[in-house]
Amino acid sequence: MEPKQVDLKIAPDESGQPERTYANFCAVEHSPFDFTLSFCDVPPFNERALREAQQAGGILRAPVRARLAIPVQMMPGLIAALQENLRIYHQSFAPPPPAAGPAN
């Protein structure tokens, strides 16, 4: 029996509506098997946080809001999707470049 080829598109199931989590920093690590993305929310710096970071050897600790392990095989597709979405974002929302002045 010959294996059948099935053409499927995977889409997120939005019925559960998981809560969105804000992150303004992402640390990336890798192993031979996967990439780990740790998304953090870095609060605005204040004097106390800066003093504590200096005492800790210059490291400011940010709370991890989500950590994802992504298989190595999935990374090229993820990078391509991010690049495409960034391109579309710039086309849609980025301000137009300033008009060129008169040539002298």
PDB file of N, CA and C in Angstrom:
ATOM      1  N   MET A   1       0.831  -1.171   0.000  1.00  0.00           N
ATOM      2  CA  MET A   1       0.000   0.000   0.000  1.00  0.00           C
ATOM      3  C   MET A   1       0.885   1.248   0.000  1.00  0.00           C
ATOM      4  N   GLU A   2       0.624   2.128  -0.927  1.00  0.00           N
ATOM      5  CA  GLU A   2       1.417   3.354  -1.065  1.00  0.00           C
ATOM      6  C   GLU A   2       0.952   4.399  -0.053  1.00  0.00           C
ATOM      7  N   PRO A   3       1.903   5.077   0.642  1.00  0.00           N
ATOM      8  CA  PRO A   3       1.494   6.095   1.615  1.00  0.00           C
ATOM      9  C   PRO A   3       0.813   7.274   0.916  1.00  0.00           C
ATOM     10  N   LYS A   4      -0.228   7.797   1.564  1.00  0.00           N
ATOM     11  CA  LYS A   4      -0.948   8.944   1.020  1.00  0.00           C
ATOM     12  C   LYS A   4      -0.267  10.231   1.458  1.00  0.00           C
ATOM     13  N   GLN A   5      -0.294  11.207   0.568  1.00  0.00           N
ATOM     14  CA  GLN A   5       0.220  12.520   0.922  1.00  0.00           C
ATOM     15  C   GLN A   5      -0.976  13.397   1.287  1.00  0.00           C
ATOM     16  N   VAL A   6      -0.915  14.007   2.453  1.00  0.00           N
ATOM     17  CA  VAL A   6      -2.006  14.841   2.932  1.00  0.00           C
ATOM     18  C   VAL A   6      -1.505  16.271   3.024  1.00  0.00           C
ATOM     19  N   ASP A   7      -2.270  17.194   2.470  1.00  0.00           N
ATOM     20  CA  ASP A   7      -1.908  18.613   2.504  1.00  0.00           C
ATOM     21  C   ASP A   7      -2.697  19.280   3.624  1.00  0.00           C
ATOM     22  N   LEU A   8      -2.016  19.634   4.710  1.00  0.00           N
ATOM     23  CA  LEU A   8      -2.674  20.246   5.858  1.00  0.00           C
ATOM     24  C   LEU A   8      -2.052  21.598   6.166  1.00  0.00           C
ATOM     25  N   LYS A   9      -2.869  22.488   6.679  1.00  0.00           N
ATOM     26  CA  LYS A   9      -2.385  23.771   7.178  1.00  0.00           C
ATOM     27  C   LYS A   9      -2.718  23.802   8.662  1.00  0.00           C
ATOM     28  N   ILE A  10      -1.736  24.100   9.498  1.00  0.00           N
ATOM     29  CA  ILE A  10      -1.957  24.159  10.936  1.00  0.00           C
ATOM     30  C   ILE A  10      -2.240  25.603  11.311  1.00  0.00           C
ATOM     31  N   ALA A  11      -3.287  25.810  12.100  1.00  0.00           N
ATOM     32  CA  ALA A  11      -3.664  27.146  12.559  1.00  0.00           C
ATOM     33  C   ALA A  11      -3.932  27.088  14.058  1.00  0.00           C
ATOM     34  N   PRO A  12      -3.622  28.168  14.773  1.00  0.00           N
ATOM     35  CA  PRO A  12      -3.895  28.182  16.217  1.00  0.00           C
ATOM     36  C   PRO A  12      -5.384  28.026  16.517  1.00  0.00           C
ATOM     37  N   ASP A  13      -5.699  27.252  17.539  1.00  0.00           N
ATOM     38  CA  ASP A  13      -7.075  27.109  18.012  1.00  0.00           C
ATOM     39  C   ASP A  13      -7.328  28.225  19.009  1.00  0.00           C
ATOM     40  N   GLU A  14      -8.062  29.233  18.605  1.00  0.00           N
ATOM     41  CA  GLU A  14      -8.299  30.415  19.432  1.00  0.00           C
ATOM     42  C   GLU A  14      -9.473  30.260  20.384  1.00  0.00           C
ATOM     43  N   SER A  15     -10.087  29.072  20.442  1.00  0.00           N
ATOM     44  CA  SER A  15     -11.280  28.900  21.271  1.00  0.00           C
ATOM     45  C   SER A  15     -10.984  29.060  22.757  1.00  0.00           C
ATOM     46  N   GLY A  16      -9.777  28.692  23.186  1.00  0.00           N
ATOM     47  CA  GLY A  16      -9.426  28.807  24.599  1.00  0.00           C
ATOM     48  C   GLY A  16      -8.944  30.192  24.990  1.00  0.00           C
ATOM     49  N   GLN A  17      -8.566  31.005  24.009  1.00  0.00           N
ATOM     50  CA  GLN A  17      -8.060  32.361  24.210  1.00  0.00           C
ATOM     51  C   GLN A  17      -7.100  32.466  25.395  1.00  0.00           C
ATOM     52  N   PRO A  18      -5.881  31.926  25.280  1.00  0.00           N
ATOM     53  CA  PRO A  18      -4.912  32.086  26.367  1.00  0.00           C
ATOM     54  C   PRO A  18      -4.574  33.570  26.541  1.00  0.00           C
ATOM     55  N   GLU A  19      -4.241  33.934  27.747  1.00  0.00           N
ATOM     56  CA  GLU A  19      -3.908  35.324  28.055  1.00  0.00           C
ATOM     57  C   GLU A  19      -2.622  35.721  27.343  1.00  0.00           C
ATOM     58  N   ARG A  20      -2.623  36.919  26.769  1.00  0.00           N
ATOM     59  CA  ARG A  20      -1.401  37.448  26.166  1.00  0.00           C
ATOM     60  C   ARG A  20      -0.437  37.849  27.262  1.00  0.00           C
ATOM     61  N   THR A  21       0.833  37.580  27.059  1.00  0.00           N
ATOM     62  CA  THR A  21       1.862  37.927  28.030  1.00  0.00           C
ATOM     63  C   THR A  21       2.821  38.911  27.380  1.00  0.00           C
ATOM     64  N   TYR A  22       3.066  40.032  28.047  1.00  0.00           N
ATOM     65  CA  TYR A  22       3.957  41.064  27.526  1.00  0.00           C
ATOM     66  C   TYR A  22       5.399  40.722  27.865  1.00  0.00           C
ATOM     67  N   ALA A  23       6.290  40.907  26.902  1.00  0.00           N
ATOM     68  CA  ALA A  23       7.723  40.725  27.130  1.00  0.00           C
ATOM     69  C   ALA A  23       8.467  41.775  26.315  1.00  0.00           C
ATOM     70  N   ASN A  24       9.474  42.376  26.928  1.00  0.00           N
ATOM     71  CA  ASN A  24      10.284  43.352  26.206  1.00  0.00           C
ATOM     72  C   ASN A  24      11.758  42.950  26.164  1.00  0.00           C
ATOM     73  N   PHE A  25      12.019  41.670  26.455  1.00  0.00           N
ATOM     74  CA  PHE A  25      13.376  41.132  26.378  1.00  0.00           C
ATOM     75  C   PHE A  25      13.273  39.642  26.107  1.00  0.00           C
ATOM     76  N   CYS A  26      14.175  39.131  25.288  1.00  0.00           N
ATOM     77  CA  CYS A  26      14.201  37.703  25.003  1.00  0.00           C
ATOM     78  C   CYS A  26      15.649  37.218  25.032  1.00  0.00           C
ATOM     79  N   ALA A  27      15.912  36.236  25.881  1.00  0.00           N
ATOM     80  CA  ALA A  27      17.233  35.597  25.928  1.00  0.00           C
ATOM     81  C   ALA A  27      17.131  34.301  25.130  1.00  0.00           C
ATOM     82  N   VAL A  28      18.150  34.024  24.323  1.00  0.00           N
ATOM     83  CA  VAL A  28      18.142  32.835  23.470  1.00  0.00           C
ATOM     84  C   VAL A  28      19.322  31.946  23.844  1.00  0.00           C
ATOM     85  N   GLU A  29      19.028  30.670  24.054  1.00  0.00           N
ATOM     86  CA  GLU A  29      20.054  29.658  24.304  1.00  0.00           C
ATOM     87  C   GLU A  29      19.784  28.486  23.371  1.00  0.00           C
ATOM     88  N   HIS A  30      20.778  27.620  23.197  1.00  0.00           N
ATOM     89  CA  HIS A  30      20.547  26.447  22.351  1.00  0.00           C
ATOM     90  C   HIS A  30      21.315  25.242  22.882  1.00  0.00           C
ATOM     91  N   SER A  31      20.828  24.080  22.504  1.00  0.00           N
ATOM     92  CA  SER A  31      21.493  22.811  22.758  1.00  0.00           C
ATOM     93  C   SER A  31      21.598  22.127  21.399  1.00  0.00           C
ATOM     94  N   PRO A  32      22.148  20.943  21.333  1.00  0.00           N
ATOM     95  CA  PRO A  32      22.183  20.251  20.036  1.00  0.00           C
ATOM     96  C   PRO A  32      20.783  19.912  19.513  1.00  0.00           C
ATOM     97  N   PHE A  33      19.757  19.991  20.370  1.00  0.00           N
ATOM     98  CA  PHE A  33      18.424  19.515  19.995  1.00  0.00           C
ATOM     99  C   PHE A  33      17.386  20.612  19.827  1.00  0.00           C
ATOM    100  N   ASP A  34      17.560  21.733  20.554  1.00  0.00           N
ATOM    101  CA  ASP A  34      16.530  22.769  20.500  1.00  0.00           C
ATOM    102  C   ASP A  34      17.090  24.138  20.854  1.00  0.00           C
ATOM    103  N   PHE A  35      16.273  25.149  20.613  1.00  0.00           N
ATOM    104  CA  PHE A  35      16.561  26.510  21.026  1.00  0.00           C
ATOM    105  C   PHE A  35      15.584  26.839  22.151  1.00  0.00           C
ATOM    106  N   THR A  36      16.062  27.515  23.176  1.00  0.00           N
ATOM    107  CA  THR A  36      15.197  27.935  24.268  1.00  0.00           C
ATOM    108  C   THR A  36      15.118  29.451  24.256  1.00  0.00           C
ATOM    109  N   LEU A  37      13.893  29.963  24.162  1.00  0.00           N
ATOM    110  CA  LEU A  37      13.647  31.401  24.188  1.00  0.00           C
ATOM    111  C   LEU A  37      12.996  31.725  25.524  1.00  0.00           C
ATOM    112  N   SER A  38      13.651  32.569  26.312  1.00  0.00           N
ATOM    113  CA  SER A  38      13.121  32.998  27.608  1.00  0.00           C
ATOM    114  C   SER A  38      12.665  34.439  27.463  1.00  0.00           C
ATOM    115  N   PHE A  39      11.359  34.647  27.558  1.00  0.00           N
ATOM    116  CA  PHE A  39      10.771  35.970  27.404  1.00  0.00           C
ATOM    117  C   PHE A  39      10.608  36.599  28.783  1.00  0.00           C
ATOM    118  N   CYS A  40      11.105  37.820  28.926  1.00  0.00           N
ATOM    119  CA  CYS A  40      11.101  38.515  30.212  1.00  0.00           C
ATOM    120  C   CYS A  40      10.434  39.877  30.082  1.00  0.00           C
ATOM    121  N   ASP A  41       9.981  40.380  31.224  1.00  0.00           N
ATOM    122  CA  ASP A  41       9.426  41.727  31.315  1.00  0.00           C
ATOM    123  C   ASP A  41      10.393  42.534  32.164  1.00  0.00           C
ATOM    124  N   VAL A  42      11.170  43.399  31.509  1.00  0.00           N
ATOM    125  CA  VAL A  42      12.153  44.219  32.209  1.00  0.00           C
ATOM    126  C   VAL A  42      11.463  45.516  32.629  1.00  0.00           C
ATOM    127  N   PRO A  43      11.322  45.724  33.947  1.00  0.00           N
ATOM    128  CA  PRO A  43      10.674  46.956  34.403  1.00  0.00           C
ATOM    129  C   PRO A  43      11.583  48.159  34.160  1.00  0.00           C
ATOM    130  N   PRO A  44      11.015  49.361  34.191  1.00  0.00           N
ATOM    131  CA  PRO A  44      11.858  50.556  34.051  1.00  0.00           C
ATOM    132  C   PRO A  44      12.916  50.579  35.160  1.00  0.00           C
ATOM    133  N   PHE A  45      14.094  51.036  34.811  1.00  0.00           N
ATOM    134  CA  PHE A  45      15.186  51.092  35.788  1.00  0.00           C
ATOM    135  C   PHE A  45      14.922  52.200  36.804  1.00  0.00           C
ATOM    136  N   ASN A  46      15.177  51.884  38.077  1.00  0.00           N
ATOM    137  CA  ASN A  46      15.179  52.915  39.107  1.00  0.00           C
ATOM    138  C   ASN A  46      16.508  52.807  39.850  1.00  0.00           C
ATOM    139  N   GLU A  47      16.750  53.732  40.745  1.00  0.00           N
ATOM    140  CA  GLU A  47      18.040  53.747  41.461  1.00  0.00           C
ATOM    141  C   GLU A  47      18.290  52.446  42.223  1.00  0.00           C
ATOM    142  N   ARG A  48      17.268  51.930  42.878  1.00  0.00           N
ATOM    143  CA  ARG A  48      17.426  50.704  43.666  1.00  0.00           C
ATOM    144  C   ARG A  48      17.811  49.535  42.770  1.00  0.00           C
ATOM    145  N   ALA A  49      17.105  49.374  41.641  1.00  0.00           N
ATOM    146  CA  ALA A  49      17.400  48.272  40.719  1.00  0.00           C
ATOM    147  C   ALA A  49      18.817  48.383  40.168  1.00  0.00           C
ATOM    148  N   LEU A  50      19.245  49.595  39.855  1.00  0.00           N
ATOM    149  CA  LEU A  50      20.603  49.787  39.338  1.00  0.00           C
ATOM    150  C   LEU A  50      21.648  49.445  40.398  1.00  0.00           C
ATOM    151  N   ARG A  51      21.409  49.855  41.659  1.00  0.00           N
ATOM    152  CA  ARG A  51      22.348  49.522  42.749  1.00  0.00           C
ATOM    153  C   ARG A  51      22.437  48.013  42.933  1.00  0.00           C
ATOM    154  N   GLU A  52      21.275  47.336  42.930  1.00  0.00           N
ATOM    155  CA  GLU A  52      21.262  45.876  43.112  1.00  0.00           C
ATOM    156  C   GLU A  52      21.981  45.184  41.959  1.00  0.00           C
ATOM    157  N   ALA A  53      21.789  45.685  40.747  1.00  0.00           N
ATOM    158  CA  ALA A  53      22.464  45.097  39.585  1.00  0.00           C
ATOM    159  C   ALA A  53      23.966  45.289  39.687  1.00  0.00           C
ATOM    160  N   GLN A  54      24.402  46.460  40.120  1.00  0.00           N
ATOM    161  CA  GLN A  54      25.839  46.699  40.276  1.00  0.00           C
ATOM    162  C   GLN A  54      26.435  45.775  41.332  1.00  0.00           C
ATOM    163  N   GLN A  55      25.709  45.564  42.420  1.00  0.00           N
ATOM    164  CA  GLN A  55      26.189  44.674  43.486  1.00  0.00           C
ATOM    165  C   GLN A  55      26.206  43.219  43.028  1.00  0.00           C
ATOM    166  N   ALA A  56      25.376  42.892  42.044  1.00  0.00           N
ATOM    167  CA  ALA A  56      25.306  41.517  41.529  1.00  0.00           C
ATOM    168  C   ALA A  56      26.234  41.318  40.332  1.00  0.00           C
ATOM    169  N   GLY A  57      27.238  42.173  40.212  1.00  0.00           N
ATOM    170  CA  GLY A  57      28.196  42.016  39.125  1.00  0.00           C
ATOM    171  C   GLY A  57      27.700  42.560  37.800  1.00  0.00           C
ATOM    172  N   GLY A  58      26.796  43.527  37.844  1.00  0.00           N
ATOM    173  CA  GLY A  58      26.298  44.147  36.622  1.00  0.00           C
ATOM    174  C   GLY A  58      25.164  43.384  35.960  1.00  0.00           C
ATOM    175  N   ILE A  59      24.515  42.493  36.712  1.00  0.00           N
ATOM    176  CA  ILE A  59      23.423  41.693  36.151  1.00  0.00           C
ATOM    177  C   ILE A  59      22.100  42.171  36.731  1.00  0.00           C
ATOM    178  N   LEU A  60      21.192  42.584  35.868  1.00  0.00           N
ATOM    179  CA  LEU A  60      19.847  42.974  36.275  1.00  0.00           C
ATOM    180  C   LEU A  60      18.931  41.791  35.995  1.00  0.00           C
ATOM    181  N   ARG A  61      18.346  41.237  37.024  1.00  0.00           N
ATOM    182  CA  ARG A  61      17.464  40.072  36.896  1.00  0.00           C
ATOM    183  C   ARG A  61      16.074  40.533  36.472  1.00  0.00           C
ATOM    184  N   ALA A  62      15.543  39.899  35.431  1.00  0.00           N
ATOM    185  CA  ALA A  62      14.204  40.218  34.930  1.00  0.00           C
ATOM    186  C   ALA A  62      13.332  38.976  35.057  1.00  0.00           C
ATOM    187  N   PRO A  63      12.096  39.124  35.521  1.00  0.00           N
ATOM    188  CA  PRO A  63      11.221  37.952  35.672  1.00  0.00           C
ATOM    189  C   PRO A  63      10.908  37.298  34.332  1.00  0.00           C
ATOM    190  N   VAL A  64      11.050  35.974  34.292  1.00  0.00           N
ATOM    191  CA  VAL A  64      10.708  35.218  33.090  1.00  0.00           C
ATOM    192  C   VAL A  64       9.193  35.072  33.045  1.00  0.00           C
ATOM    193  N   ARG A  65       8.597  35.496  31.932  1.00  0.00           N
ATOM    194  CA  ARG A  65       7.141  35.406  31.758  1.00  0.00           C
ATOM    195  C   ARG A  65       6.744  34.164  30.980  1.00  0.00           C
ATOM    196  N   ALA A  66       7.635  33.693  30.101  1.00  0.00           N
ATOM    197  CA  ALA A  66       7.373  32.471  29.330  1.00  0.00           C
ATOM    198  C   ALA A  66       8.706  31.927  28.835  1.00  0.00           C
ATOM    199  N   ARG A  67       8.799  30.615  28.752  1.00  0.00           N
ATOM    200  CA  ARG A  67      10.007  29.977  28.232  1.00  0.00           C
ATOM    201  C   ARG A  67       9.562  28.917  27.236  1.00  0.00           C
ATOM    202  N   LEU A  68      10.076  29.020  26.011  1.00  0.00           N
ATOM    203  CA  LEU A  68       9.699  28.097  24.942  1.00  0.00           C
ATOM    204  C   LEU A  68      10.915  27.306  24.478  1.00  0.00           C
ATOM    205  N   ALA A  69      10.750  26.009  24.343  1.00  0.00           N
ATOM    206  CA  ALA A  69      11.772  25.148  23.744  1.00  0.00           C
ATOM    207  C   ALA A  69      11.301  24.831  22.333  1.00  0.00           C
ATOM    208  N   ILE A  70      12.125  25.188  21.350  1.00  0.00           N
ATOM    209  CA  ILE A  70      11.741  25.051  19.944  1.00  0.00           C
ATOM    210  C   ILE A  70      12.730  24.104  19.254  1.00  0.00           C
ATOM    211  N   PRO A  71      12.238  23.047  18.604  1.00  0.00           N
ATOM    212  CA  PRO A  71      13.141  22.116  17.925  1.00  0.00           C
ATOM    213  C   PRO A  71      13.983  22.839  16.863  1.00  0.00           C
ATOM    214  N   VAL A  72      15.219  22.414  16.728  1.00  0.00           N
ATOM    215  CA  VAL A  72      16.139  23.018  15.755  1.00  0.00           C
ATOM    216  C   VAL A  72      15.520  23.036  14.356  1.00  0.00           C
ATOM    217  N   GLN A  73      14.824  21.971  13.984  1.00  0.00           N
ATOM    218  CA  GLN A  73      14.241  21.864  12.646  1.00  0.00           C
ATOM    219  C   GLN A  73      13.190  22.950  12.384  1.00  0.00           C
ATOM    220  N   MET A  74      12.605  23.510  13.426  1.00  0.00           N
ATOM    221  CA  MET A  74      11.561  24.511  13.271  1.00  0.00           C
ATOM    222  C   MET A  74      12.129  25.937  13.153  1.00  0.00           C
ATOM    223  N   MET A  75      13.380  26.136  13.525  1.00  0.00           N
ATOM    224  CA  MET A  75      13.954  27.484  13.589  1.00  0.00           C
ATOM    225  C   MET A  75      14.004  28.204  12.234  1.00  0.00           C
ATOM    226  N   PRO A  76      14.413  27.566  11.132  1.00  0.00           N
ATOM    227  CA  PRO A  76      14.427  28.302   9.862  1.00  0.00           C
ATOM    228  C   PRO A  76      13.055  28.848   9.478  1.00  0.00           C
ATOM    229  N   GLY A  77      11.997  28.058   9.683  1.00  0.00           N
ATOM    230  CA  GLY A  77      10.649  28.519   9.377  1.00  0.00           C
ATOM    231  C   GLY A  77      10.219  29.652  10.293  1.00  0.00           C
ATOM    232  N   LEU A  78      10.586  29.573  11.574  1.00  0.00           N
ATOM    233  CA  LEU A  78      10.259  30.634  12.526  1.00  0.00           C
ATOM    234  C   LEU A  78      10.974  31.926  12.151  1.00  0.00           C
ATOM    235  N   ILE A  79      12.243  31.834  11.817  1.00  0.00           N
ATOM    236  CA  ILE A  79      13.009  33.022  11.423  1.00  0.00           C
ATOM    237  C   ILE A  79      12.421  33.637  10.159  1.00  0.00           C
ATOM    238  N   ALA A  80      12.075  32.808   9.178  1.00  0.00           N
ATOM    239  CA  ALA A  80      11.484  33.312   7.933  1.00  0.00           C
ATOM    240  C   ALA A  80      10.143  33.999   8.211  1.00  0.00           C
ATOM    241  N   ALA A  81       9.319  33.408   9.081  1.00  0.00           N
ATOM    242  CA  ALA A  81       8.018  34.000   9.405  1.00  0.00           C
ATOM    243  C   ALA A  81       8.193  35.334  10.129  1.00  0.00           C
ATOM    244  N   LEU A  82       9.155  35.416  11.035  1.00  0.00           N
ATOM    245  CA  LEU A  82       9.421  36.676  11.733  1.00  0.00           C
ATOM    246  C   LEU A  82       9.909  37.750  10.763  1.00  0.00           C
ATOM    247  N   GLN A  83      10.823  37.377   9.854  1.00  0.00           N
ATOM    248  CA  GLN A  83      11.320  38.343   8.875  1.00  0.00           C
ATOM    249  C   GLN A  83      10.204  38.842   7.963  1.00  0.00           C
ATOM    250  N   GLU A  84       9.326  37.948   7.520  1.00  0.00           N
ATOM    251  CA  GLU A  84       8.216  38.336   6.648  1.00  0.00           C
ATOM    252  C   GLU A  84       7.249  39.248   7.378  1.00  0.00           C
ATOM    253  N   ASN A  85       6.926  38.911   8.624  1.00  0.00           N
ATOM    254  CA  ASN A  85       6.013  39.756   9.389  1.00  0.00           C
ATOM    255  C   ASN A  85       6.627  41.111   9.710  1.00  0.00           C
ATOM    256  N   LEU A  86       7.925  41.167   9.951  1.00  0.00           N
ATOM    257  CA  LEU A  86       8.596  42.445  10.185  1.00  0.00           C
ATOM    258  C   LEU A  86       8.574  43.297   8.914  1.00  0.00           C
ATOM    259  N   ARG A  87       8.776  42.659   7.757  1.00  0.00           N
ATOM    260  CA  ARG A  87       8.707  43.382   6.482  1.00  0.00           C
ATOM    261  C   ARG A  87       7.313  43.974   6.284  1.00  0.00           C
ATOM    262  N   ILE A  88       6.275  43.180   6.535  1.00  0.00           N
ATOM    263  CA  ILE A  88       4.896  43.654   6.391  1.00  0.00           C
ATOM    264  C   ILE A  88       4.612  44.767   7.391  1.00  0.00           C
ATOM    265  N   TYR A  89       5.099  44.620   8.610  1.00  0.00           N
ATOM    266  CA  TYR A  89       4.923  45.652   9.634  1.00  0.00           C
ATOM    267  C   TYR A  89       5.514  46.978   9.161  1.00  0.00           C
ATOM    268  N   HIS A  90       6.751  46.931   8.663  1.00  0.00           N
ATOM    269  CA  HIS A  90       7.405  48.162   8.198  1.00  0.00           C
ATOM    270  C   HIS A  90       6.636  48.789   7.040  1.00  0.00           C
ATOM    271  N   GLN A  91       6.108  47.993   6.152  1.00  0.00           N
ATOM    272  CA  GLN A  91       5.314  48.522   5.046  1.00  0.00           C
ATOM    273  C   GLN A  91       4.023  49.167   5.548  1.00  0.00           C
ATOM    274  N   SER A  92       3.440  48.608   6.594  1.00  0.00           N
ATOM    275  CA  SER A  92       2.143  49.072   7.080  1.00  0.00           C
ATOM    276  C   SER A  92       2.234  50.213   8.088  1.00  0.00           C
ATOM    277  N   PHE A  93       3.230  50.185   8.969  1.00  0.00           N
ATOM    278  CA  PHE A  93       3.235  51.095  10.103  1.00  0.00           C
ATOM    279  C   PHE A  93       4.440  52.017  10.198  1.00  0.00           C
ATOM    280  N   ALA A  94       5.520  51.672   9.551  1.00  0.00           N
ATOM    281  CA  ALA A  94       6.725  52.501   9.673  1.00  0.00           C
ATOM    282  C   ALA A  94       6.498  53.841   8.968  1.00  0.00           C
ATOM    283  N   PRO A  95       7.014  54.922   9.549  1.00  0.00           N
ATOM    284  CA  PRO A  95       6.852  56.215   8.870  1.00  0.00           C
ATOM    285  C   PRO A  95       7.615  56.228   7.557  1.00  0.00           C
ATOM    286  N   PRO A  96       7.097  56.949   6.580  1.00  0.00           N
ATOM    287  CA  PRO A  96       7.807  57.012   5.305  1.00  0.00           C
ATOM    288  C   PRO A  96       9.138  57.743   5.475  1.00  0.00           C
ATOM    289  N   PRO A  97      10.121  57.403   4.664  1.00  0.00           N
ATOM    290  CA  PRO A  97      11.410  58.101   4.773  1.00  0.00           C
ATOM    291  C   PRO A  97      11.228  59.576   4.427  1.00  0.00           C
ATOM    292  N   PRO A  98      12.062  60.454   5.002  1.00  0.00           N
ATOM    293  CA  PRO A  98      11.930  61.879   4.706  1.00  0.00           C
ATOM    294  C   PRO A  98      12.176  62.155   3.213  1.00  0.00           C
ATOM    295  N   ALA A  99      11.478  63.148   2.719  1.00  0.00           N
ATOM    296  CA  ALA A  99      11.646  63.519   1.306  1.00  0.00           C
ATOM    297  C   ALA A  99      13.041  64.071   1.107  1.00  0.00           C
ATOM    298  N   ALA A 100      13.594  63.743  -0.040  1.00  0.00           N
ATOM    299  CA  ALA A 100      14.945  64.243  -0.356  1.00  0.00           C
ATOM    300  C   ALA A 100      14.868  65.734  -0.648  1.00  0.00           C
ATOM    301  N   GLY A 101      15.857  66.454  -0.160  1.00  0.00           N
ATOM    302  CA  GLY A 101      15.918  67.903  -0.421  1.00  0.00           C
ATOM    303  C   GLY A 101      16.415  68.179  -1.829  1.00  0.00           C
ATOM    304  N   PRO A 102      16.454  69.428  -2.183  1.00  0.00           N
ATOM    305  CA  PRO A 102      16.938  69.767  -3.529  1.00  0.00           C
ATOM    306  C   PRO A 102      18.414  69.408  -3.692  1.00  0.00           C
ATOM    307  N   ALA A 103      18.753  68.929  -4.850  1.00  0.00           N
ATOM    308  CA  ALA A 103      20.144  68.600  -5.160  1.00  0.00           C
ATOM    309  C   ALA A 103      20.895  69.870  -5.503  1.00  0.00           C
ATOM    310  N   ASN A 104      22.086  70.006  -4.966  1.00  0.00           N
ATOM    311  CA  ASN A 104      22.922  71.189  -5.264  1.00  0.00           C
ATOM    312  C   ASN A 104      23.915  70.881  -6.334  1.00  0.00           C
TER     313      ASN A 104
END
